C-alpha atoms as a PDB file:
ATOM      1  CA  ALA A   1      50.203 -33.745 -39.430  1.00  0.00           C
ATOM      2  CA  LEU A   2      46.823 -32.220 -38.879  1.00  0.00           C
ATOM      3  CA  LEU A   3      44.026 -30.662 -41.130  1.00  0.00           C
ATOM      4  CA  VAL A   4      41.365 -28.250 -39.208  1.00  0.00           C
ATOM      5  CA  GLU A   5      38.424 -27.541 -41.243  1.00  0.00           C
ATOM      6  CA  SER A   6      36.247 -24.509 -40.221  1.00  0.00           C
ATOM      7  CA  GLY A   7      33.666 -22.175 -41.439  1.00  0.00           C
ATOM      8  CA  GLY A   8      30.694 -24.545 -41.641  1.00  0.00           C
ATOM      9  CA  GLY A   9      27.394 -23.760 -40.149  1.00  0.00           C
ATOM     10  CA  LEU A  10      23.701 -22.939 -41.018  1.00  0.00           C
ATOM     11  CA  VAL A  11      22.841 -20.983 -44.183  1.00  0.00           C
ATOM     12  CA  GLN A  12      19.689 -20.302 -46.322  1.00  0.00           C
ATOM     13  CA  PRO A  13      19.355 -21.736 -49.624  1.00  0.00           C
ATOM     14  CA  GLY A  14      21.053 -19.685 -52.244  1.00  0.00           C
ATOM     15  CA  GLY A  15      23.375 -18.673 -49.784  1.00  0.00           C
ATOM     16  CA  SER A  16      27.428 -18.987 -49.595  1.00  0.00           C
ATOM     17  CA  LEU A  17      29.910 -20.468 -47.247  1.00  0.00           C
ATOM     18  CA  ARG A  18      33.853 -20.335 -47.612  1.00  0.00           C
ATOM     19  CA  LEU A  19      35.254 -23.202 -45.808  1.00  0.00           C
ATOM     20  CA  SER A  20      38.855 -23.108 -44.673  1.00  0.00           C
ATOM     21  CA  CYS A  21      41.356 -25.794 -43.934  1.00  0.00           C
ATOM     22  CA  THR A  22      44.407 -25.125 -42.347  1.00  0.00           C
ATOM     23  CA  ALA A  23      47.357 -27.741 -42.248  1.00  0.00           C
ATOM     24  CA  SER A  24      50.077 -28.082 -39.596  1.00  0.00           C
ATOM     25  CA  GLY A  25      53.129 -30.610 -39.687  1.00  0.00           C
ATOM     26  CA  PHE A  26      53.007 -30.414 -43.451  1.00  0.00           C
ATOM     27  CA  THR A  27      53.282 -28.068 -46.409  1.00  0.00           C
ATOM     28  CA  ILE A  28      50.335 -27.986 -48.642  1.00  0.00           C
ATOM     29  CA  SER A  29      52.405 -27.032 -51.707  1.00  0.00           C
ATOM     30  CA  THR A  30      53.601 -30.905 -51.475  1.00  0.00           C
ATOM     31  CA  HIS A  31      50.539 -31.959 -51.475  1.00  0.00           C
ATOM     32  CA  HIS A  32      47.386 -32.555 -53.708  1.00  0.00           C
ATOM     33  CA  MET A  33      44.380 -31.169 -51.660  1.00  0.00           C
ATOM     34  CA  ASN A  34      41.030 -32.330 -52.141  1.00  0.00           C
ATOM     35  CA  TRP A  35      37.478 -31.571 -50.337  1.00  0.00           C
ATOM     36  CA  TYR A  36      34.939 -34.226 -49.805  1.00  0.00           C
ATOM     37  CA  ARG A  37      31.637 -34.506 -48.471  1.00  0.00           C
ATOM     38  CA  GLN A  38      29.450 -36.944 -46.422  1.00  0.00           C
ATOM     39  CA  SER A  39      25.548 -36.874 -46.055  1.00  0.00           C
ATOM     40  CA  PRO A  40      24.053 -39.289 -43.852  1.00  0.00           C
ATOM     41  CA  GLY A  41      23.505 -42.667 -45.431  1.00  0.00           C
ATOM     42  CA  LYS A  42      25.788 -42.012 -48.296  1.00  0.00           C
ATOM     43  CA  GLU A  43      29.140 -42.607 -49.287  1.00  0.00           C
ATOM     44  CA  ARG A  44      32.064 -39.950 -49.265  1.00  0.00           C
ATOM     45  CA  GLU A  45      31.929 -37.856 -52.327  1.00  0.00           C
ATOM     46  CA  TRP A  46      34.955 -36.086 -53.927  1.00  0.00           C
ATOM     47  CA  LEU A  47      34.163 -32.628 -54.630  1.00  0.00           C
ATOM     48  CA  ALA A  48      37.310 -30.682 -55.714  1.00  0.00           C
ATOM     49  CA  THR A  49      41.017 -30.919 -55.973  1.00  0.00           C
ATOM     50  CA  ILE A  50      43.919 -28.354 -56.376  1.00  0.00           C
ATOM     51  CA  SER A  51      47.524 -29.813 -57.637  1.00  0.00           C
ATOM     52  CA  SER A  52      50.479 -29.543 -55.229  1.00  0.00           C
ATOM     53  CA  ASP A  53      51.818 -26.856 -57.517  1.00  0.00           C
ATOM     54  CA  GLY A  54      48.570 -24.910 -57.445  1.00  0.00           C
ATOM     55  CA  THR A  55      48.061 -24.621 -61.410  1.00  0.00           C
ATOM     56  CA  ARG A  56      45.162 -27.046 -61.538  1.00  0.00           C
ATOM     57  CA  THR A  57      41.992 -27.449 -60.079  1.00  0.00           C
ATOM     58  CA  ASP A  58      39.395 -30.355 -60.945  1.00  0.00           C
ATOM     59  CA  TYR A  59      35.748 -30.162 -59.915  1.00  0.00           C
ATOM     60  CA  ALA A  60      33.033 -33.109 -59.476  1.00  0.00           C
ATOM     61  CA  PRO A  61      30.259 -32.585 -61.903  1.00  0.00           C
ATOM     62  CA  SER A  62      27.962 -32.231 -58.903  1.00  0.00           C
ATOM     63  CA  THR A  63      29.543 -28.632 -57.820  1.00  0.00           C
ATOM     64  CA  ASN A  64      27.928 -27.248 -61.281  1.00  0.00           C
ATOM     65  CA  ALA A  65      30.555 -24.280 -61.127  1.00  0.00           C
ATOM     66  CA  ARG A  66      29.133 -23.233 -57.867  1.00  0.00           C
ATOM     67  CA  PHE A  67      32.221 -24.282 -55.987  1.00  0.00           C
ATOM     68  CA  THR A  68      35.837 -22.994 -56.197  1.00  0.00           C
ATOM     69  CA  ILE A  69      38.997 -24.460 -54.701  1.00  0.00           C
ATOM     70  CA  SER A  70      41.805 -21.963 -53.726  1.00  0.00           C
ATOM     71  CA  ARG A  71      44.642 -21.905 -51.502  1.00  0.00           C
ATOM     72  CA  ASP A  72      46.981 -19.334 -49.501  1.00  0.00           C
ATOM     73  CA  ILE A  73      50.593 -20.928 -49.566  1.00  0.00           C
ATOM     74  CA  VAL A  74      51.511 -18.515 -46.680  1.00  0.00           C
ATOM     75  CA  LYS A  75      48.578 -19.509 -44.506  1.00  0.00           C
ATOM     76  CA  ASN A  76      49.274 -22.913 -45.450  1.00  0.00           C
ATOM     77  CA  THR A  77      45.411 -23.313 -45.895  1.00  0.00           C
ATOM     78  CA  VAL A  78      42.924 -24.215 -48.496  1.00  0.00           C
ATOM     79  CA  TYR A  79      39.715 -23.052 -49.276  1.00  0.00           C
ATOM     80  CA  LEU A  80      36.298 -23.989 -50.492  1.00  0.00           C
ATOM     81  CA  GLN A  81      34.010 -21.186 -51.649  1.00  0.00           C
ATOM     82  CA  MET A  82      30.343 -22.521 -51.830  1.00  0.00           C
ATOM     83  CA  ASN A  83      27.816 -20.275 -53.990  1.00  0.00           C
ATOM     84  CA  ARG A  84      23.974 -20.927 -54.557  1.00  0.00           C
ATOM     85  CA  LEU A  85      23.650 -23.539 -51.870  1.00  0.00           C
ATOM     86  CA  LYS A  86      20.980 -25.995 -51.828  1.00  0.00           C
ATOM     87  CA  PRO A  87      19.518 -28.018 -49.076  1.00  0.00           C
ATOM     88  CA  GLU A  88      21.029 -31.307 -50.796  1.00  0.00           C
ATOM     89  CA  ASP A  89      24.436 -29.674 -49.981  1.00  0.00           C
ATOM     90  CA  THR A  90      23.759 -30.365 -46.664  1.00  0.00           C
ATOM     91  CA  ALA A  91      26.510 -32.547 -45.569  1.00  0.00           C
ATOM     92  CA  VAL A  92      29.765 -33.140 -43.546  1.00  0.00           C
ATOM     93  CA  TYR A  93      32.684 -31.332 -45.462  1.00  0.00           C
ATOM     94  CA  TYR A  94      36.093 -32.893 -45.233  1.00  0.00           C
ATOM     95  CA  CYS A  95      39.692 -31.602 -46.404  1.00  0.00           C
ATOM     96  CA  ASN A  96      42.236 -33.890 -47.503  1.00  0.00           C
ATOM     97  CA  GLY A  97      45.952 -33.814 -48.314  1.00  0.00           C
ATOM     98  CA  ILE A  98      47.891 -36.569 -50.489  1.00  0.00           C
ATOM     99  CA  SER A  99      51.365 -36.698 -51.728  1.00  0.00           C
ATOM    100  CA  GLY A 100      53.134 -39.076 -54.046  1.00  0.00           C
ATOM    101  CA  LEU A 101      54.963 -40.333 -50.978  1.00  0.00           C
ATOM    102  CA  GLY A 102      52.337 -42.004 -49.589  1.00  0.00           C
ATOM    103  CA  SER A 103      51.282 -39.432 -46.915  1.00  0.00           C
ATOM    104  CA  ASP A 104      47.280 -39.110 -46.688  1.00  0.00           C
ATOM    105  CA  TYR A 105      45.778 -36.472 -44.285  1.00  0.00           C
ATOM    106  CA  TRP A 106      42.400 -35.982 -43.576  1.00  0.00           C
ATOM    107  CA  GLY A 107      40.601 -33.497 -41.257  1.00  0.00           C
ATOM    108  CA  GLN A 108      37.733 -33.917 -38.754  1.00  0.00           C
ATOM    109  CA  GLY A 109      35.278 -32.457 -40.916  1.00  0.00           C
ATOM    110  CA  THR A 110      33.187 -29.244 -40.688  1.00  0.00           C
ATOM    111  CA  GLN A 111      29.033 -29.494 -40.579  1.00  0.00           C
ATOM    112  CA  VAL A 112      27.392 -27.388 -43.607  1.00  0.00           C
ATOM    113  CA  THR A 113      23.414 -27.284 -43.229  1.00  0.00           C
ATOM    114  CA  VAL A 114      21.618 -25.489 -45.613  1.00  0.00           C
ATOM    115  CA  SER A 115      17.898 -24.900 -44.603  1.00  0.00           C
ATOM    116  CA  SER A 116      15.460 -22.456 -44.525  1.00  0.00           C
END
């Protein structure tokens, strides 16, 4: 099983990015899918979850309603739309998929840098 993130890059403060996470070897509809991030010197931080049936989304308070998690079952892909980005959002962003059967998959991460 594999998760591949993409969509990171350099963006100015106030800008937007959409991260993608494409799964292979398993279907996202059987897994809760999560986004995390990690900044240098800090612990990995949970950001958002979309449930396996797609009916529920949850967000960390730090996202302040600026981030939206979604998915495309046909493409087996999860997204994180990030708006009004701030320099403190600079981090490596990771995708994660977990199931009740114990599977726990992580992507390699994608760098997001918010700077003028």
